[in-house]
Amino acid sequence: MTQYDTFTDILEARYSCRAFRPDPVPDETVERIVAAARHVPSWCNAQPWQVSVTRGAATDRFRDALTKAATEGAPPKPDLAWPKGYSGPYAERRRTCGFQLYDAVGIEKSDRNARRAQMLRNYALFDAPHVAIVHSPAELGPYGAMDTGGFVTAFTLAATALGVATVPQAAIAAYAPLVRDLMGIGDDRLVLCAISFGYADETAPANAFRTERATPADIIDWQD
């Protein structure tokens, strides 16, 4: 098997896990994941990424505070502006992913209460035993955030290679001031996203579907 084959096997095995077992991931495994992810490229080798990782009671405090804020309707205050909208194929892919999840867990598309309850599962971290809050320097703006996106990808792939399931979550960034306060993250950092992680509950319906991917022909615009 070539390195390319090994790499694509890991890429294809990775998915967004939405139900975790409570078993903690050993510290040594988390360190191995970060040791691999740190090798991604960054502009001028700035390596702007940092992660605040919870374990044990810290995870429970974090999920409880986030769930309370989301349930009570606290207004979102992300550090980076949300997308202006989703159109064309982006809207279709987003819609399809949502419907696949609802179908997997048996939620009717018209059942708004059940859909909201499923949405709130984001803030319960899907019962993961750990969450990594990913942040970058505010002074680097969107370019630091772009570099850090590569780290997020590498983190999820390294975790997959070690049998650890992950789900990157932009939803957590909606409550950036709360996250910053809970994690002791300074105002000089942008809260970008979370990565909830642990061992997948393979019996959970929410983990039973996989999203489709655009083909190379959909992505490449050849210039001759």
Protein backbone atom coordinates (compact mmCIF):
# COMPACT_ATOMS: atom_id res chain seq x y z
CA MET A 1 0.00 0.00 0.00
CA THR A 2 1.34 3.44 -0.94
CA GLN A 3 1.42 6.47 1.36
CA TYR A 4 -1.34 7.97 -0.79
CA ASP A 5 -3.53 4.92 -0.22
CA THR A 6 -2.94 5.08 3.53
CA PHE A 7 -3.73 8.78 3.57
CA THR A 8 -6.96 8.44 1.60
CA ASP A 9 -8.04 5.54 3.81
CA ILE A 10 -7.74 7.82 6.85
CA LEU A 11 -9.52 10.67 5.08
CA GLU A 12 -12.40 8.42 4.09
CA ALA A 13 -12.62 6.88 7.56
CA ARG A 14 -12.97 10.26 9.27
CA TYR A 15 -16.48 11.50 9.94
CA SER A 16 -18.21 13.94 12.29
CA CYS A 17 -19.10 11.87 15.34
CA ARG A 18 -22.33 12.92 17.07
CA ALA A 19 -22.48 10.37 19.88
CA PHE A 20 -19.58 9.44 22.16
CA ARG A 21 -18.89 6.90 24.87
CA PRO A 22 -17.83 8.38 28.23
CA ASP A 23 -14.40 6.69 28.23
CA PRO A 24 -11.60 9.29 28.49
CA VAL A 25 -8.79 9.47 25.96
CA PRO A 26 -5.34 9.03 27.57
CA ASP A 27 -3.28 12.22 27.80
CA GLU A 28 -0.51 10.52 25.83
CA THR A 29 -2.89 9.90 22.92
CA VAL A 30 -4.02 13.54 22.91
CA GLU A 31 -0.39 14.62 22.84
CA ARG A 32 0.31 12.30 19.90
CA ILE A 33 -2.62 13.83 18.00
CA VAL A 34 -1.30 17.36 18.56
CA ALA A 35 2.26 16.25 17.80
CA ALA A 36 1.09 15.15 14.36
CA ALA A 37 -1.23 18.10 13.68
CA ARG A 38 1.46 20.70 14.43
CA HIS A 39 3.25 19.81 11.17
CA VAL A 40 0.69 21.50 8.91
CA PRO A 41 1.90 24.55 6.95
CA SER A 42 1.26 28.13 8.02
CA TRP A 43 2.00 31.53 6.58
CA CYS A 44 5.61 32.51 7.48
CA ASN A 45 5.65 29.46 9.77
CA ALA A 46 3.70 31.50 12.35
CA GLN A 47 1.97 28.36 13.70
CA PRO A 48 -0.86 30.47 15.20
CA TRP A 49 -2.95 27.62 16.62
CA GLN A 50 -3.46 26.90 20.29
CA VAL A 51 -5.90 24.46 21.89
CA SER A 52 -7.46 24.48 25.34
CA VAL A 53 -8.36 20.86 26.12
CA THR A 54 -10.81 19.77 28.81
CA ARG A 55 -10.97 16.51 30.69
CA GLY A 56 -13.11 15.17 33.52
CA ALA A 57 -15.07 17.75 35.49
CA ALA A 58 -13.85 20.59 33.25
CA THR A 59 -15.69 19.06 30.29
CA ASP A 60 -18.91 18.81 32.31
CA ARG A 61 -18.64 22.42 33.53
CA PHE A 62 -18.08 23.58 29.98
CA ARG A 63 -20.98 21.65 28.46
CA ASP A 64 -23.34 22.72 31.26
CA ALA A 65 -22.49 26.41 30.84
CA LEU A 66 -22.83 26.29 27.06
CA THR A 67 -26.11 24.39 27.16
CA LYS A 68 -27.52 26.88 29.68
CA ALA A 69 -26.53 29.82 27.46
CA ALA A 70 -27.98 28.24 24.33
CA THR A 71 -31.20 27.10 26.03
CA GLU A 72 -31.83 30.51 27.56
CA GLY A 73 -31.40 32.16 24.18
CA ALA A 74 -28.28 34.16 24.92
CA PRO A 75 -27.43 36.24 21.84
CA PRO A 76 -24.56 34.85 19.76
CA LYS A 77 -21.32 36.84 19.83
CA PRO A 78 -18.79 35.12 17.58
CA ASP A 79 -15.33 36.62 17.19
CA LEU A 80 -15.51 36.18 13.42
CA ALA A 81 -18.62 37.14 11.45
CA TRP A 82 -20.88 34.28 10.37
CA PRO A 83 -21.19 33.50 6.65
CA LYS A 84 -23.41 36.01 4.83
CA GLY A 85 -25.40 33.11 3.43
CA TYR A 86 -25.33 29.77 1.65
CA SER A 87 -26.36 29.59 -2.00
CA GLY A 88 -26.24 27.12 -4.88
CA PRO A 89 -24.40 23.87 -4.18
CA TYR A 90 -23.30 25.09 -0.74
CA ALA A 91 -26.90 25.48 0.38
CA GLU A 92 -27.81 22.10 -1.10
CA ARG A 93 -24.95 20.30 0.64
CA ARG A 94 -25.81 21.96 3.96
CA ARG A 95 -29.47 21.03 3.61
CA THR A 96 -28.69 17.45 2.62
CA CYS A 97 -26.39 16.97 5.60
CA GLY A 98 -29.09 18.21 7.99
CA PHE A 99 -31.75 15.97 6.48
CA GLN A 100 -29.43 12.96 6.62
CA LEU A 101 -28.91 13.56 10.33
CA TYR A 102 -32.63 13.97 11.00
CA ASP A 103 -33.40 10.79 9.05
CA ALA A 104 -30.72 8.88 10.96
CA VAL A 105 -32.14 9.83 14.37
CA GLY A 106 -35.79 9.58 13.32
CA ILE A 107 -36.74 13.26 13.36
CA GLU A 108 -39.45 14.44 10.98
CA LYS A 109 -38.46 17.51 8.99
CA SER A 110 -41.59 19.29 10.26
CA ASP A 111 -40.84 18.59 13.94
CA ARG A 112 -39.24 21.88 15.00
CA ASN A 113 -39.00 20.96 18.67
CA ALA A 114 -37.09 17.77 17.93
CA ARG A 115 -34.86 19.61 15.49
CA ARG A 116 -34.05 22.21 18.15
CA ALA A 117 -33.32 19.48 20.69
CA GLN A 118 -30.91 17.89 18.22
CA MET A 119 -29.28 21.28 17.60
CA LEU A 120 -28.74 21.73 21.34
CA ARG A 121 -26.76 18.49 21.35
CA ASN A 122 -23.94 20.61 19.90
CA TYR A 123 -23.65 22.43 23.22
CA ALA A 124 -23.71 19.18 25.18
CA LEU A 125 -20.68 18.26 23.03
CA PHE A 126 -22.56 15.12 21.95
CA ASP A 127 -21.55 13.68 25.36
CA ALA A 128 -17.86 13.67 24.43
CA PRO A 129 -15.44 13.31 27.33
CA HIS A 130 -13.16 16.04 25.93
CA VAL A 131 -13.35 19.23 23.95
CA ALA A 132 -10.50 21.18 22.39
CA ILE A 133 -11.19 24.89 21.96
CA VAL A 134 -9.18 26.13 19.00
CA HIS A 135 -8.00 29.73 19.00
CA SER A 136 -5.55 31.96 17.14
CA PRO A 137 -4.06 35.47 17.59
CA ALA A 138 -6.50 38.29 16.92
CA GLU A 139 -3.73 40.33 15.28
CA LEU A 140 -3.45 37.73 12.50
CA GLY A 141 -7.15 38.01 11.69
CA PRO A 142 -8.60 35.75 8.98
CA TYR A 143 -5.15 34.64 7.85
CA GLY A 144 -4.37 33.16 11.24
CA ALA A 145 -7.81 31.56 11.20
CA MET A 146 -7.12 30.10 7.75
CA ASP A 147 -3.83 28.60 8.92
CA THR A 148 -5.54 27.19 11.98
CA GLY A 149 -8.10 25.48 9.77
CA GLY A 150 -5.28 23.27 8.52
CA PHE A 151 -4.48 22.34 12.11
CA VAL A 152 -8.13 21.41 12.75
CA THR A 153 -8.11 19.10 9.74
CA ALA A 154 -4.84 17.47 10.76
CA PHE A 155 -6.07 17.04 14.34
CA THR A 156 -9.15 15.14 13.15
CA LEU A 157 -7.13 12.95 10.79
CA ALA A 158 -4.47 12.11 13.38
CA ALA A 159 -7.23 11.28 15.85
CA THR A 160 -8.89 8.99 13.30
CA ALA A 161 -5.59 7.19 12.73
CA LEU A 162 -5.42 6.52 16.49
CA GLY A 163 -9.03 5.32 16.76
CA VAL A 164 -10.33 8.54 18.32
CA ALA A 165 -13.53 10.08 16.94
CA THR A 166 -13.97 13.83 16.50
CA VAL A 167 -16.49 16.47 15.49
CA PRO A 168 -15.37 20.02 14.65
CA GLN A 169 -18.01 22.47 15.89
CA ALA A 170 -18.34 26.05 14.70
CA ALA A 171 -21.49 26.40 16.83
CA ILE A 172 -19.42 26.81 19.98
CA ALA A 173 -17.88 30.01 18.59
CA ALA A 174 -21.30 31.66 18.86
CA TYR A 175 -20.58 32.14 22.54
CA ALA A 176 -16.99 33.34 22.26
CA PRO A 177 -17.07 35.62 25.36
CA LEU A 178 -18.39 32.76 27.51
CA VAL A 179 -15.86 30.33 26.06
CA ARG A 180 -13.06 32.82 26.66
CA ASP A 181 -14.12 33.28 30.28
CA LEU A 182 -14.49 29.54 30.96
CA MET A 183 -11.17 28.66 29.36
CA GLY A 184 -9.11 31.65 30.48
CA ILE A 185 -8.43 32.68 26.88
CA GLY A 186 -7.27 36.28 26.50
CA ASP A 187 -8.95 38.99 24.45
CA ASP A 188 -5.92 38.89 22.15
CA ARG A 189 -7.08 35.50 20.82
CA LEU A 190 -9.92 34.64 18.41
CA VAL A 191 -12.13 31.72 19.47
CA LEU A 192 -12.55 29.85 16.18
CA CYS A 193 -14.21 26.52 16.87
CA ALA A 194 -14.26 23.45 19.08
CA ILE A 195 -13.30 19.86 18.42
CA SER A 196 -15.23 17.48 20.65
CA PHE A 197 -13.50 14.13 20.79
CA GLY A 198 -13.46 10.71 22.40
CA TYR A 199 -14.46 7.18 21.42
CA ALA A 200 -17.48 6.81 19.17
CA ASP A 201 -20.68 5.13 20.28
CA GLU A 202 -20.95 2.90 17.24
CA THR A 203 -24.51 1.87 18.16
CA ALA A 204 -25.88 5.42 18.06
CA PRO A 205 -28.13 6.23 15.06
CA ALA A 206 -26.53 9.68 14.75
CA ASN A 207 -23.29 7.97 13.70
CA ALA A 208 -24.92 5.84 11.03
CA PHE A 209 -24.72 8.18 8.03
CA ARG A 210 -21.91 9.66 5.97
CA THR A 211 -21.97 12.83 3.90
CA GLU A 212 -21.26 12.81 0.17
CA ARG A 213 -18.32 14.67 -1.35
CA ALA A 214 -17.97 16.73 -4.49
CA THR A 215 -15.97 15.08 -7.26
CA PRO A 216 -12.61 16.39 -8.53
CA ALA A 217 -14.45 17.56 -11.65
CA ASP A 218 -16.71 19.69 -9.46
CA ILE A 219 -13.70 21.27 -7.75
CA ILE A 220 -11.00 21.75 -10.41
CA ASP A 221 -11.14 24.64 -12.88
CA TRP A 222 -8.40 23.81 -15.37
CA GLN A 223 -6.61 26.76 -16.94
CA ASP A 224 -4.70 26.13 -20.22
